[in-house]
Amino acid sequence: MNNFDVIVIGGGHAGTEAAAVAARRGAKTLLLTMRESDIGAMSCNPSIGGPGKSQMVAEIDALGGVMGRAADAAGIHFRMLNASHGAATRALRAQIDRDLYHNAVMDILNHTPNLTVIFETVTDFDVYEKIVNNKYRAKSIIITAGTFLRGLVTRGAEKIPSGRLMDNGQYQAPDMHISDTLRAAGFELMRLKTGTPARLYRDSIDFSVCEPQPADKPHEWFSAPCAANDFDAQCFITHTNETTHQIIRENIAHAPMYNGDIEGTGPRYCPSLEDKVMRFTTHSSHHVFLEPEGLDSDLIYPNGISTSFGCDIQDKWIRTIPGLENVRIARYGYAIEYDAIDARKLRATLESKDIPGLFFAGQVNGTSGYEEAAAQGIVAGANAAAHALDIAPLELDRTNSMIGVLIDDITTLGVDEPYRMFSSRAEYRLHLRADNAVRRLGDMGERLGLISSTELAQKRALRDAGADENDRFYAGYIARAQREIEGVRRDMGLKIPGDFDYRGLPGLTNELIEKLSATRPENIAALSRIPGMTPAGIVVVLRRLRG
């Protein structure tokens, strides 16, 4: 038997962060994944960052993580979104070269002490004894299975058991074992769904009728300036139109999302094109972002038109989009269903409440997105090492990090659709900015052995000036928020009557009033976790409760 402190199953964004941080904490760590190409794989859009997400990338970086460094090395088009807004809403986003990102992650893992990477399929798994394939044993195991648990690709009438369509056009086999093991261990599994658009050959697109989307020059970085990266890719925008939408409406009975062929629930905030057309009936067009999959790739990712339609119908409506009239399609879009656990069965450390030493991270917890996966990975990995080595855990909460918001949401509220992070989910979002992530979390990361003092000092030198400036700008808010945090913490257990009337309370939107009236949170702690709830809203409720 090969003994380890921590075994990580799955080499995606959650798995690589988990393995790297466990090893950094001194745990003898095994990362077990099916093939080398799984490492840091970007199965959907090759991009990192965006609103709510760039804050998490900054927090991962402040804790010594992988994602920010790899994105800086592999980014080919950087833009600061919401640049004209305040610092709390600005969000760095980068289009990424898939191959360069994979190479950057592999390089980081290869230079991480205490870490062994083995490419092997999991065929046997004992959750209690922490034994994998009857030859690897550990004190802690982390499951980061992505979309592979009973993964099922759907494209029109086609149904293909698969966890991913690979770059070579072959379907990667799903895992049919771990789901059964988890169900036998008492976990309730749900079916979730995500999707991806067709991939288009670059040389068949007429970019002359599309709108250029220029990169920032110079641009910000996720982690630190990368001297080796002077890449400059071009991105464009086009639009769907009424002809596109008419074809979709006429064929909606053939869309698996609408005819009942797809069981799983998809992400509301990243809908398929057919979902957009049917839900937003007043919209005559939708953006389509034409983004390269890499510097040397001949493929374009048309962001915004993911679909579950069959190939024949995709052929019809894709070519109604300006610039795509004569496009050649390399791979058609598809939907994918997969198993996920109910994350309410997990502690805030992402450890199972019922099975000590068993941790989960990423899409298996009901989330969607590379950044969300990586954020959970660094928490699960740090805490799996803590369990194995009997050292201090990493504990994040809603007041100190976006990662804390994410984990608190999924472990207390659960999910009924794939969870995606938005700034609006955080009550203290003006404090939880990307620019001050090192200030918020760096000391904790250094104390727990997640990041070295040398690396932390370098990050502080890069970030402190900007954080100082923005802290001064938000000084009044931050001081008030701190008072509110302290007050709310004192009153977390305060009961809310079942007939409490939220109507007429200042600072509560009609949507939030409706949500609160339906969910009826039992106390202030539960109230604070309602998506969209603000500190001011919590204070208003507290004042009403106190008379």
Protein backbone atom coordinates (compact mmCIF):
# COMPACT_ATOMS: atom_id res chain seq x y z
CA MET A 1 0.00 0.00 0.00
CA ASN A 2 1.26 3.48 -0.94
CA ASN A 3 0.59 5.83 1.97
CA PHE A 4 -0.08 9.56 1.70
CA ASP A 5 -1.43 12.27 3.96
CA VAL A 6 -3.81 13.62 1.32
CA ILE A 7 -5.19 12.14 -1.91
CA VAL A 8 -6.91 14.44 -4.40
CA ILE A 9 -9.17 12.83 -7.01
CA GLY A 10 -9.44 15.00 -10.12
CA GLY A 11 -6.94 17.36 -11.77
CA GLY A 12 -9.12 20.30 -12.80
CA HIS A 13 -9.08 23.73 -11.22
CA ALA A 14 -10.33 22.53 -7.84
CA GLY A 15 -8.00 19.54 -7.80
CA THR A 16 -4.82 21.38 -8.75
CA GLU A 17 -5.41 24.10 -6.13
CA ALA A 18 -6.23 21.49 -3.50
CA ALA A 19 -3.17 19.36 -4.23
CA ALA A 20 -0.79 22.31 -4.38
CA VAL A 21 -1.93 23.90 -1.12
CA ALA A 22 -1.98 20.59 0.77
CA ALA A 23 1.59 19.98 -0.34
CA ARG A 24 2.61 23.55 0.58
CA ARG A 25 1.35 22.88 4.11
CA GLY A 26 3.72 19.92 4.35
CA ALA A 27 1.30 17.08 3.62
CA LYS A 28 2.53 14.19 1.51
CA THR A 29 0.03 14.59 -1.32
CA LEU A 30 -1.11 12.48 -4.28
CA LEU A 31 -3.02 14.06 -7.16
CA LEU A 32 -4.82 11.31 -9.05
CA THR A 33 -6.41 12.13 -12.41
CA MET A 34 -7.16 10.21 -15.60
CA ARG A 35 -4.69 11.84 -17.99
CA GLU A 36 -2.17 14.64 -18.18
CA SER A 37 -4.48 16.76 -20.35
CA ASP A 38 -6.91 16.95 -17.38
CA ILE A 39 -4.50 19.21 -15.49
CA GLY A 40 -5.90 22.73 -15.51
CA ALA A 41 -8.23 21.81 -18.38
CA MET A 42 -10.61 24.52 -19.60
CA SER A 43 -13.55 22.54 -20.90
CA CYS A 44 -15.63 25.62 -21.67
CA ASN A 45 -14.52 29.19 -22.37
CA PRO A 46 -10.76 29.63 -21.85
CA SER A 47 -11.03 32.74 -19.69
CA ILE A 48 -10.37 33.73 -16.10
CA GLY A 49 -11.92 36.50 -14.03
CA GLY A 50 -14.90 38.80 -14.32
CA PRO A 51 -17.27 40.36 -11.75
CA GLY A 52 -17.14 38.53 -8.42
CA LYS A 53 -14.72 36.02 -9.90
CA SER A 54 -11.63 38.24 -10.13
CA GLN A 55 -12.00 38.94 -6.42
CA MET A 56 -11.81 35.22 -5.73
CA VAL A 57 -8.77 34.84 -7.98
CA ALA A 58 -7.10 37.63 -5.99
CA GLU A 59 -7.95 35.82 -2.74
CA ILE A 60 -6.60 32.53 -4.06
CA ASP A 61 -3.41 34.38 -5.00
CA ALA A 62 -3.16 35.99 -1.56
CA LEU A 63 -3.19 32.45 -0.13
CA GLY A 64 -0.36 31.33 -2.41
CA GLY A 65 -2.59 29.65 -4.99
CA VAL A 66 -2.06 28.56 -8.59
CA MET A 67 -4.77 30.22 -10.69
CA GLY A 68 -3.55 33.83 -10.72
CA ARG A 69 0.02 32.89 -11.61
CA ALA A 70 -1.08 30.53 -14.39
CA ALA A 71 -3.52 33.08 -15.82
CA ASP A 72 -0.81 35.75 -15.95
CA ALA A 73 1.49 33.38 -17.82
CA ALA A 74 -1.21 32.26 -20.28
CA GLY A 75 -3.38 35.37 -20.72
CA ILE A 76 -3.61 36.63 -24.31
CA HIS A 77 -6.22 39.41 -23.93
CA PHE A 78 -6.71 41.34 -20.67
CA ARG A 79 -9.55 43.79 -19.94
CA MET A 80 -10.63 45.57 -16.79
CA LEU A 81 -14.41 45.33 -16.72
CA ASN A 82 -16.41 48.15 -15.09
CA ALA A 83 -13.28 50.28 -15.33
CA SER A 84 -15.25 53.51 -14.98
CA HIS A 85 -16.90 52.31 -11.77
CA GLY A 86 -15.61 52.14 -8.22
CA ALA A 87 -12.83 49.77 -7.19
CA ALA A 88 -15.28 47.35 -5.60
CA THR A 89 -16.97 46.59 -8.92
CA ARG A 90 -13.91 46.61 -11.19
CA ALA A 91 -13.09 43.12 -12.37
CA LEU A 92 -10.09 41.90 -14.35
CA ARG A 93 -10.88 39.35 -17.06
CA ALA A 94 -8.42 37.59 -19.35
CA GLN A 95 -8.85 35.38 -22.38
CA ILE A 96 -6.50 32.45 -21.91
CA ASP A 97 -4.47 30.24 -24.22
CA ARG A 98 -5.59 26.73 -23.24
CA ASP A 99 -2.23 25.06 -23.88
CA LEU A 100 -0.20 27.76 -22.16
CA TYR A 101 -2.46 27.57 -19.11
CA HIS A 102 -2.11 23.80 -18.88
CA ASN A 103 1.67 24.13 -19.23
CA ALA A 104 1.82 26.83 -16.55
CA VAL A 105 -0.19 24.74 -14.08
CA MET A 106 1.93 21.66 -14.81
CA ASP A 107 5.09 23.67 -14.23
CA ILE A 108 3.82 24.89 -10.85
CA LEU A 109 2.83 21.37 -9.78
CA ASN A 110 6.14 19.90 -10.96
CA HIS A 111 8.00 22.38 -8.75
CA THR A 112 5.83 21.80 -5.67
CA PRO A 113 7.56 19.70 -2.99
CA ASN A 114 5.60 16.89 -1.30
CA LEU A 115 3.38 16.42 -4.37
CA THR A 116 3.09 13.32 -6.57
CA VAL A 117 0.94 13.35 -9.70
CA ILE A 118 -0.27 10.02 -11.14
CA PHE A 119 -2.45 9.58 -14.22
CA GLU A 120 -4.85 6.79 -13.41
CA THR A 121 -8.59 6.13 -13.48
CA VAL A 122 -10.34 5.56 -10.15
CA THR A 123 -11.91 2.11 -10.24
CA ASP A 124 -12.27 1.43 -6.52
CA PHE A 125 -12.79 3.87 -3.65
CA ASP A 126 -13.33 3.27 0.09
CA VAL A 127 -14.59 6.52 1.67
CA TYR A 128 -14.18 5.23 5.22
CA GLU A 129 -10.73 3.68 5.03
CA LYS A 130 -9.55 6.35 2.52
CA ILE A 131 -8.22 3.74 0.08
CA VAL A 132 -8.22 4.29 -3.68
CA ASN A 133 -7.77 1.52 -6.25
CA ASN A 134 -6.71 -0.86 -3.46
CA LYS A 135 -3.19 0.60 -3.48
CA TYR A 136 -3.28 4.26 -2.31
CA ARG A 137 -4.19 5.11 1.27
CA ALA A 138 -4.45 8.53 2.93
CA LYS A 139 -5.68 10.26 6.07
CA SER A 140 -7.68 12.73 3.97
CA ILE A 141 -9.29 12.41 0.54
CA ILE A 142 -10.64 15.26 -1.60
CA ILE A 143 -13.12 14.58 -4.40
CA THR A 144 -12.95 17.13 -7.23
CA ALA A 145 -14.71 15.20 -9.96
CA GLY A 146 -16.05 18.14 -12.01
CA THR A 147 -18.71 17.01 -14.50
CA PHE A 148 -17.50 13.40 -14.59
CA LEU A 149 -19.87 11.77 -12.06
CA ARG A 150 -22.27 9.89 -14.37
CA GLY A 151 -21.62 12.60 -16.95
CA LEU A 152 -24.02 12.56 -19.89
CA VAL A 153 -23.57 14.70 -22.99
CA THR A 154 -26.78 15.65 -24.81
CA ARG A 155 -26.93 17.17 -28.28
CA GLY A 156 -30.40 17.02 -29.80
CA ALA A 157 -31.43 13.35 -29.84
CA GLU A 158 -27.83 12.23 -29.16
CA LYS A 159 -26.93 11.08 -25.65
CA ILE A 160 -23.32 10.13 -25.02
CA PRO A 161 -22.01 9.01 -21.59
CA SER A 162 -19.06 11.35 -21.14
CA GLY A 163 -17.48 13.76 -18.71
CA ARG A 164 -15.91 15.98 -21.38
CA LEU A 165 -15.48 16.36 -25.14
CA MET A 166 -11.73 16.58 -25.59
CA ASP A 167 -9.80 18.77 -28.03
CA ASN A 168 -9.24 15.79 -30.30
CA GLY A 169 -13.00 15.37 -30.71
CA GLN A 170 -13.14 12.24 -28.54
CA TYR A 171 -15.48 11.89 -25.58
CA GLN A 172 -13.74 11.28 -22.26
CA ALA A 173 -15.35 8.47 -20.29
CA PRO A 174 -17.44 9.46 -17.26
CA ASP A 175 -16.95 8.07 -13.78
CA MET A 176 -19.66 5.53 -12.98
CA HIS A 177 -18.20 4.34 -9.68
CA ILE A 178 -17.80 7.28 -7.32
CA SER A 179 -21.51 8.26 -7.48
CA ASP A 180 -22.53 4.78 -6.33
CA THR A 181 -19.94 4.88 -3.56
CA LEU A 182 -21.18 8.24 -2.32
CA ARG A 183 -24.83 7.20 -2.46
CA ALA A 184 -24.03 4.06 -0.48
CA ALA A 185 -22.29 6.26 2.09
CA GLY A 186 -25.49 8.28 2.62
CA PHE A 187 -25.00 11.24 0.27
CA GLU A 188 -28.02 12.51 -1.64
CA LEU A 189 -27.08 13.28 -5.23
CA MET A 190 -28.72 15.79 -7.55
CA ARG A 191 -28.48 16.20 -11.32
CA LEU A 192 -27.13 19.49 -12.57
CA LYS A 193 -26.47 20.69 -16.09
CA THR A 194 -24.11 22.98 -17.88
CA GLY A 195 -23.35 23.52 -21.54
CA THR A 196 -20.96 24.84 -24.13
CA PRO A 197 -21.25 26.38 -27.61
CA ALA A 198 -19.93 25.19 -30.93
CA ARG A 199 -16.29 25.80 -31.80
CA LEU A 200 -15.74 27.71 -35.04
CA TYR A 201 -12.84 27.76 -37.45
CA ARG A 202 -11.21 31.18 -37.26
CA ASP A 203 -10.46 31.47 -41.00
CA SER A 204 -14.14 31.02 -41.92
CA ILE A 205 -15.36 34.07 -39.93
CA ASP A 206 -15.80 37.50 -41.51
CA PHE A 207 -14.46 39.69 -38.71
CA SER A 208 -14.85 42.82 -40.85
CA VAL A 209 -18.56 43.03 -39.95
CA CYS A 210 -17.88 42.43 -36.25
CA GLU A 211 -17.07 44.95 -33.54
CA PRO A 212 -13.46 44.82 -32.25
CA GLN A 213 -13.06 44.39 -28.50
CA PRO A 214 -9.60 45.83 -27.77
CA ALA A 215 -7.44 44.69 -24.89
CA ASP A 216 -6.16 47.09 -22.24
CA LYS A 217 -2.64 48.39 -22.96
CA PRO A 218 -1.04 48.35 -20.50
CA HIS A 219 -3.13 45.97 -18.45
CA GLU A 220 -3.46 44.77 -14.88
CA TRP A 221 -2.28 41.34 -13.73
CA PHE A 222 -3.92 38.77 -11.49
CA SER A 223 -0.80 37.99 -9.49
CA ALA A 224 2.30 39.89 -10.66
CA PRO A 225 3.70 41.30 -13.91
CA CYS A 226 4.84 38.44 -16.13
CA ALA A 227 7.76 39.61 -18.25
CA ALA A 228 7.50 36.62 -20.57
CA ASN A 229 3.93 37.48 -21.52
CA ASP A 230 3.59 40.08 -24.26
CA PHE A 231 0.80 38.23 -26.08
CA ASP A 232 -1.75 40.24 -28.00
CA ALA A 233 -4.83 38.41 -29.31
CA GLN A 234 -7.88 39.97 -30.91
CA CYS A 235 -11.45 39.51 -29.73
CA PHE A 236 -14.66 40.62 -31.44
CA ILE A 237 -18.38 41.03 -30.77
CA THR A 238 -21.31 40.16 -33.01
CA HIS A 239 -25.02 39.66 -32.28
CA THR A 240 -27.88 37.30 -32.80
CA ASN A 241 -30.92 38.74 -34.55
CA GLU A 242 -34.62 38.15 -35.11
CA THR A 243 -33.93 35.54 -37.80
CA THR A 244 -31.78 33.61 -35.32
CA HIS A 245 -34.48 33.81 -32.68
CA GLN A 246 -37.24 32.77 -35.09
CA ILE A 247 -35.38 29.57 -36.03
CA ILE A 248 -34.93 28.78 -32.34
CA ARG A 249 -38.61 29.41 -31.54
CA GLU A 250 -39.73 27.26 -34.49
CA ASN A 251 -37.54 24.38 -33.32
CA ILE A 252 -37.88 24.71 -29.57
CA ALA A 253 -39.68 21.35 -29.36
CA HIS A 254 -36.38 19.78 -30.46
CA ALA A 255 -34.38 21.45 -27.68
CA PRO A 256 -33.62 18.90 -24.93
CA MET A 257 -33.85 21.67 -22.33
CA TYR A 258 -37.49 22.17 -23.28
CA ASN A 259 -38.77 18.77 -24.38
CA GLY A 260 -37.87 16.96 -21.17
CA ASP A 261 -34.83 15.05 -22.43
CA ILE A 262 -32.56 16.85 -19.96
CA GLU A 263 -33.22 16.10 -16.31
CA GLY A 264 -30.62 18.38 -14.71
CA THR A 265 -31.01 22.04 -13.74
CA GLY A 266 -28.82 24.52 -15.61
CA PRO A 267 -27.24 27.78 -14.42
CA ARG A 268 -29.76 30.65 -14.51
CA TYR A 269 -27.01 33.21 -14.96
CA CYS A 270 -25.30 31.43 -17.85
CA PRO A 271 -28.25 30.26 -19.94
CA SER A 272 -28.21 28.54 -23.29
CA LEU A 273 -29.19 30.64 -26.29
CA GLU A 274 -32.52 28.85 -26.56
CA ASP A 275 -33.15 29.73 -22.91
CA LYS A 276 -32.32 33.38 -23.53
CA VAL A 277 -34.64 33.56 -26.54
CA MET A 278 -37.56 31.96 -24.69
CA ARG A 279 -37.08 33.82 -21.40
CA PHE A 280 -36.20 37.29 -22.63
CA THR A 281 -38.84 37.72 -25.28
CA THR A 282 -38.40 41.50 -25.57
CA HIS A 283 -34.74 41.19 -26.57
CA SER A 284 -34.30 41.29 -30.35
CA SER A 285 -30.60 40.34 -30.13
CA HIS A 286 -27.97 38.95 -27.79
CA HIS A 287 -24.21 39.54 -27.71
CA VAL A 288 -21.89 36.90 -29.13
CA PHE A 289 -18.25 37.32 -28.10
CA LEU A 290 -15.81 35.78 -30.58
CA GLU A 291 -12.82 34.76 -28.49
CA PRO A 292 -9.75 32.75 -29.56
CA GLU A 293 -8.95 29.50 -27.79
CA GLY A 294 -5.24 30.20 -28.07
CA LEU A 295 -2.53 32.10 -29.93
CA ASP A 296 -1.88 29.26 -32.35
CA SER A 297 -5.34 27.74 -32.25
CA ASP A 298 -7.48 27.81 -35.37
CA LEU A 299 -10.62 27.77 -33.19
CA ILE A 300 -12.87 30.57 -31.97
CA TYR A 301 -15.09 30.24 -28.92
CA PRO A 302 -18.44 32.04 -29.56
CA ASN A 303 -19.23 33.06 -26.00
CA GLY A 304 -22.96 33.51 -25.44
CA ILE A 305 -24.50 30.82 -27.64
CA SER A 306 -24.19 27.60 -25.66
CA THR A 307 -26.85 25.15 -26.77
CA SER A 308 -28.27 21.65 -26.55
CA PHE A 309 -29.81 21.66 -30.05
CA GLY A 310 -28.86 18.96 -32.53
CA CYS A 311 -26.23 19.65 -35.17
CA ASP A 312 -28.78 20.23 -37.94
CA ILE A 313 -30.53 23.04 -36.05
CA GLN A 314 -27.25 24.58 -34.86
CA ASP A 315 -26.23 24.72 -38.53
CA LYS A 316 -29.33 26.77 -39.33
CA TRP A 317 -29.21 29.46 -36.69
CA ILE A 318 -25.45 29.89 -36.28
CA ARG A 319 -25.13 31.05 -39.88
CA THR A 320 -27.74 33.79 -39.38
CA ILE A 321 -25.31 35.67 -37.12
CA PRO A 322 -23.34 38.49 -38.83
CA GLY A 323 -19.83 37.34 -39.64
CA LEU A 324 -20.77 33.67 -39.35
CA GLU A 325 -22.72 33.31 -42.60
CA ASN A 326 -20.08 31.02 -44.11
CA VAL A 327 -18.61 29.65 -40.92
CA ARG A 328 -17.21 26.14 -40.69
CA ILE A 329 -18.03 24.37 -37.45
CA ALA A 330 -15.26 22.33 -35.88
CA ARG A 331 -17.33 20.93 -32.98
CA TYR A 332 -20.98 21.44 -32.21
CA GLY A 333 -22.24 22.69 -28.87
CA TYR A 334 -23.76 20.38 -26.30
CA ALA A 335 -25.24 20.16 -22.81
CA ILE A 336 -23.81 17.94 -20.09
CA GLU A 337 -25.54 16.53 -17.02
CA TYR A 338 -23.68 15.26 -13.98
CA ASP A 339 -24.10 14.29 -10.34
CA ALA A 340 -23.45 16.68 -7.47
CA ILE A 341 -23.81 16.32 -3.73
CA ASP A 342 -25.87 18.49 -1.39
CA ALA A 343 -23.15 20.75 0.04
CA ARG A 344 -25.22 21.27 3.18
CA LYS A 345 -23.72 17.93 4.20
CA LEU A 346 -20.34 19.69 4.46
CA ARG A 347 -18.72 21.82 7.12
CA ALA A 348 -17.35 25.27 6.27
CA THR A 349 -13.97 23.52 5.89
CA LEU A 350 -15.59 21.47 3.04
CA GLU A 351 -15.20 18.30 5.10
CA SER A 352 -18.10 15.87 5.28
CA LYS A 353 -20.09 16.23 8.50
CA ASP A 354 -20.57 12.47 8.63
CA ILE A 355 -17.28 11.03 7.35
CA PRO A 356 -14.15 12.61 8.88
CA GLY A 357 -11.33 13.19 6.45
CA LEU A 358 -13.54 13.21 3.34
CA PHE A 359 -13.57 16.57 1.54
CA PHE A 360 -15.24 17.90 -1.62
CA ALA A 361 -14.47 20.82 -3.92
CA GLY A 362 -15.69 22.23 -7.23
CA GLN A 363 -18.67 21.30 -9.37
CA VAL A 364 -19.36 18.21 -7.29
CA ASN A 365 -20.57 20.72 -4.64
CA GLY A 366 -23.10 22.27 -7.01
CA THR A 367 -21.08 25.21 -8.29
CA SER A 368 -20.15 26.33 -11.80
CA GLY A 369 -17.04 28.12 -13.02
CA TYR A 370 -13.28 27.69 -12.93
CA GLU A 371 -12.82 30.36 -10.28
CA GLU A 372 -15.48 28.92 -7.97
CA ALA A 373 -13.83 25.52 -8.28
CA ALA A 374 -10.34 26.84 -7.55
CA ALA A 375 -11.64 28.80 -4.55
CA GLN A 376 -13.11 25.66 -3.02
CA GLY A 377 -9.99 23.71 -3.92
CA ILE A 378 -7.70 25.91 -1.88
CA VAL A 379 -10.02 25.65 1.14
CA ALA A 380 -10.50 21.89 0.86
CA GLY A 381 -6.78 21.29 0.28
CA ALA A 382 -5.66 23.43 3.19
CA ASN A 383 -8.14 21.72 5.50
CA ALA A 384 -7.47 18.21 4.26
CA ALA A 385 -3.82 18.83 5.17
CA ALA A 386 -4.94 20.22 8.53
CA HIS A 387 -6.94 17.06 9.22
CA ALA A 388 -4.08 14.78 8.19
CA LEU A 389 -1.34 16.64 10.05
CA ASP A 390 -3.41 17.86 13.03
CA ILE A 391 -2.66 21.51 12.35
CA ALA A 392 -4.81 24.64 12.28
CA PRO A 393 -7.61 24.78 9.69
CA LEU A 394 -8.26 27.51 7.13
CA GLU A 395 -11.50 29.22 8.16
CA LEU A 396 -12.97 31.86 5.86
CA ASP A 397 -16.29 33.61 6.34
CA ARG A 398 -18.61 36.14 4.71
CA THR A 399 -16.89 39.08 6.39
CA ASN A 400 -13.32 38.41 5.24
CA SER A 401 -13.58 36.96 1.71
CA MET A 402 -15.66 36.25 -1.38
CA ILE A 403 -14.52 32.65 -0.97
CA GLY A 404 -16.14 32.71 2.45
CA VAL A 405 -19.39 33.97 0.91
CA LEU A 406 -19.34 31.16 -1.65
CA ILE A 407 -18.72 28.42 0.89
CA ASP A 408 -21.22 29.79 3.38
CA ASP A 409 -23.88 30.00 0.67
CA ILE A 410 -23.51 26.45 -0.59
CA THR A 411 -23.02 24.78 2.82
CA THR A 412 -25.93 26.54 4.55
CA LEU A 413 -28.41 27.38 1.79
CA GLY A 414 -27.59 24.60 -0.64
CA VAL A 415 -28.23 25.03 -4.37
CA ASP A 416 -31.09 24.37 -6.77
CA GLU A 417 -28.99 25.35 -9.79
CA PRO A 418 -25.24 25.57 -10.46
CA TYR A 419 -23.95 28.35 -8.20
CA ARG A 420 -22.02 31.24 -9.71
CA MET A 421 -20.35 34.04 -7.78
CA PHE A 422 -21.48 37.64 -8.20
CA SER A 423 -20.39 40.67 -6.22
CA SER A 424 -24.03 41.18 -5.23
CA ARG A 425 -23.99 37.95 -3.19
CA ALA A 426 -21.62 39.58 -0.66
CA GLU A 427 -23.04 41.88 2.02
CA TYR A 428 -19.63 43.53 2.50
CA ARG A 429 -18.67 43.72 -1.16
CA LEU A 430 -17.17 47.21 -0.92
CA HIS A 431 -14.69 45.78 1.56
CA LEU A 432 -14.11 42.47 -0.28
CA ARG A 433 -12.25 43.99 -3.23
CA ALA A 434 -9.58 42.43 -5.43
CA ASP A 435 -7.06 45.17 -4.61
CA ASN A 436 -7.07 44.49 -0.85
CA ALA A 437 -7.15 40.66 -0.93
CA VAL A 438 -3.53 40.43 0.24
CA ARG A 439 -4.27 42.81 3.10
CA ARG A 440 -7.34 40.81 4.12
CA LEU A 441 -5.94 37.30 3.86
CA GLY A 442 -2.15 37.46 3.56
CA ASP A 443 -1.34 37.26 7.27
CA MET A 444 -3.67 34.31 7.68
CA GLY A 445 -2.09 32.56 4.70
CA GLU A 446 1.43 33.09 6.03
CA ARG A 447 0.46 31.95 9.55
CA LEU A 448 -1.03 28.72 8.21
CA GLY A 449 1.86 27.96 5.87
CA LEU A 450 -0.08 28.55 2.67
CA ILE A 451 2.25 31.27 1.39
CA SER A 452 5.86 32.09 2.23
CA SER A 453 6.83 35.34 3.95
CA THR A 454 8.98 36.27 0.95
CA GLU A 455 6.15 35.81 -1.54
CA LEU A 456 3.74 37.66 0.73
CA ALA A 457 6.11 40.61 1.04
CA GLN A 458 6.36 40.79 -2.77
CA LYS A 459 2.58 40.81 -3.11
CA ARG A 460 2.22 43.51 -0.49
CA ALA A 461 4.72 45.69 -2.32
CA LEU A 462 2.61 45.34 -5.49
CA ARG A 463 -0.83 45.84 -3.93
CA ASP A 464 -0.56 48.02 -0.83
CA ALA A 465 -0.49 51.41 -2.55
CA GLY A 466 -3.68 50.70 -4.51
CA ALA A 467 -5.36 49.20 -1.46
CA ASP A 468 -4.41 52.25 0.63
CA GLU A 469 -5.94 54.61 -1.91
CA ASN A 470 -9.18 52.65 -2.18
CA ASP A 471 -9.43 52.11 1.58
CA ARG A 472 -9.28 55.90 2.00
CA PHE A 473 -11.98 56.30 -0.65
CA TYR A 474 -14.23 53.77 1.10
CA ALA A 475 -13.15 54.70 4.63
CA GLY A 476 -16.59 55.78 5.79
CA TYR A 477 -18.22 52.66 4.41
CA ILE A 478 -15.56 50.33 5.80
CA ALA A 479 -15.86 51.84 9.29
CA ARG A 480 -19.64 51.55 9.18
CA ALA A 481 -19.45 48.03 7.78
CA GLN A 482 -17.09 47.00 10.58
CA ARG A 483 -19.57 48.27 13.16
CA GLU A 484 -22.35 46.42 11.37
CA ILE A 485 -20.28 43.23 11.22
CA GLU A 486 -19.67 43.37 14.96
CA GLY A 487 -23.32 44.14 15.67
CA VAL A 488 -24.67 41.45 13.39
CA ARG A 489 -22.27 38.89 14.86
CA ARG A 490 -23.75 39.63 18.31
CA ASP A 491 -27.28 39.14 17.00
CA MET A 492 -26.83 36.15 14.68
CA GLY A 493 -29.01 33.94 16.87
CA LEU A 494 -31.86 36.44 17.20
CA LYS A 495 -35.10 34.73 16.16
CA ILE A 496 -37.31 36.20 13.44
CA PRO A 497 -41.04 35.52 13.96
CA GLY A 498 -42.66 33.39 11.28
CA ASP A 499 -45.16 36.15 10.51
CA PHE A 500 -42.59 38.97 10.33
CA ASP A 501 -43.68 41.57 7.73
CA TYR A 502 -40.81 42.67 5.48
CA ARG A 503 -43.02 45.01 3.42
CA GLY A 504 -42.33 48.70 3.77
CA LEU A 505 -38.86 48.30 5.26
CA PRO A 506 -36.47 50.86 3.74
CA GLY A 507 -33.50 49.45 1.83
CA LEU A 508 -35.21 46.21 0.83
CA THR A 509 -35.98 45.76 -2.85
CA ASN A 510 -39.28 44.27 -3.94
CA GLU A 511 -37.39 41.18 -5.18
CA LEU A 512 -35.72 40.76 -1.79
CA ILE A 513 -39.01 41.25 0.09
CA GLU A 514 -40.58 38.56 -2.06
CA LYS A 515 -37.62 36.22 -1.46
CA LEU A 516 -37.64 36.80 2.33
CA SER A 517 -41.40 36.35 2.55
CA ALA A 518 -41.12 33.03 0.71
CA THR A 519 -38.06 31.59 2.50
CA ARG A 520 -38.87 32.88 6.01
CA PRO A 521 -35.34 32.81 7.51
CA GLU A 522 -35.58 31.68 11.11
CA ASN A 523 -32.91 34.00 12.52
CA ILE A 524 -30.49 36.80 11.60
CA ALA A 525 -27.78 34.31 10.61
CA ALA A 526 -30.10 32.74 8.04
CA LEU A 527 -31.28 36.18 6.91
CA SER A 528 -27.70 37.33 6.26
CA ARG A 529 -27.17 34.44 3.83
CA ILE A 530 -30.06 35.30 1.55
CA PRO A 531 -28.55 36.26 -1.84
CA GLY A 532 -28.82 40.02 -2.34
CA MET A 533 -29.16 40.84 1.37
CA THR A 534 -27.09 43.89 2.36
CA PRO A 535 -25.69 44.97 5.75
CA ALA A 536 -28.04 47.93 5.66
CA GLY A 537 -30.97 45.58 5.08
CA ILE A 538 -29.93 43.40 8.03
CA VAL A 539 -29.71 46.48 10.26
CA VAL A 540 -33.20 47.59 9.16
CA VAL A 541 -34.63 44.19 10.08
CA LEU A 542 -32.81 44.26 13.43
CA ARG A 543 -34.25 47.68 14.20
CA ARG A 544 -37.78 46.48 13.44
CA LEU A 545 -37.27 43.38 15.60
CA ARG A 546 -36.07 45.51 18.51
CA GLY A 547 -39.07 47.82 18.18
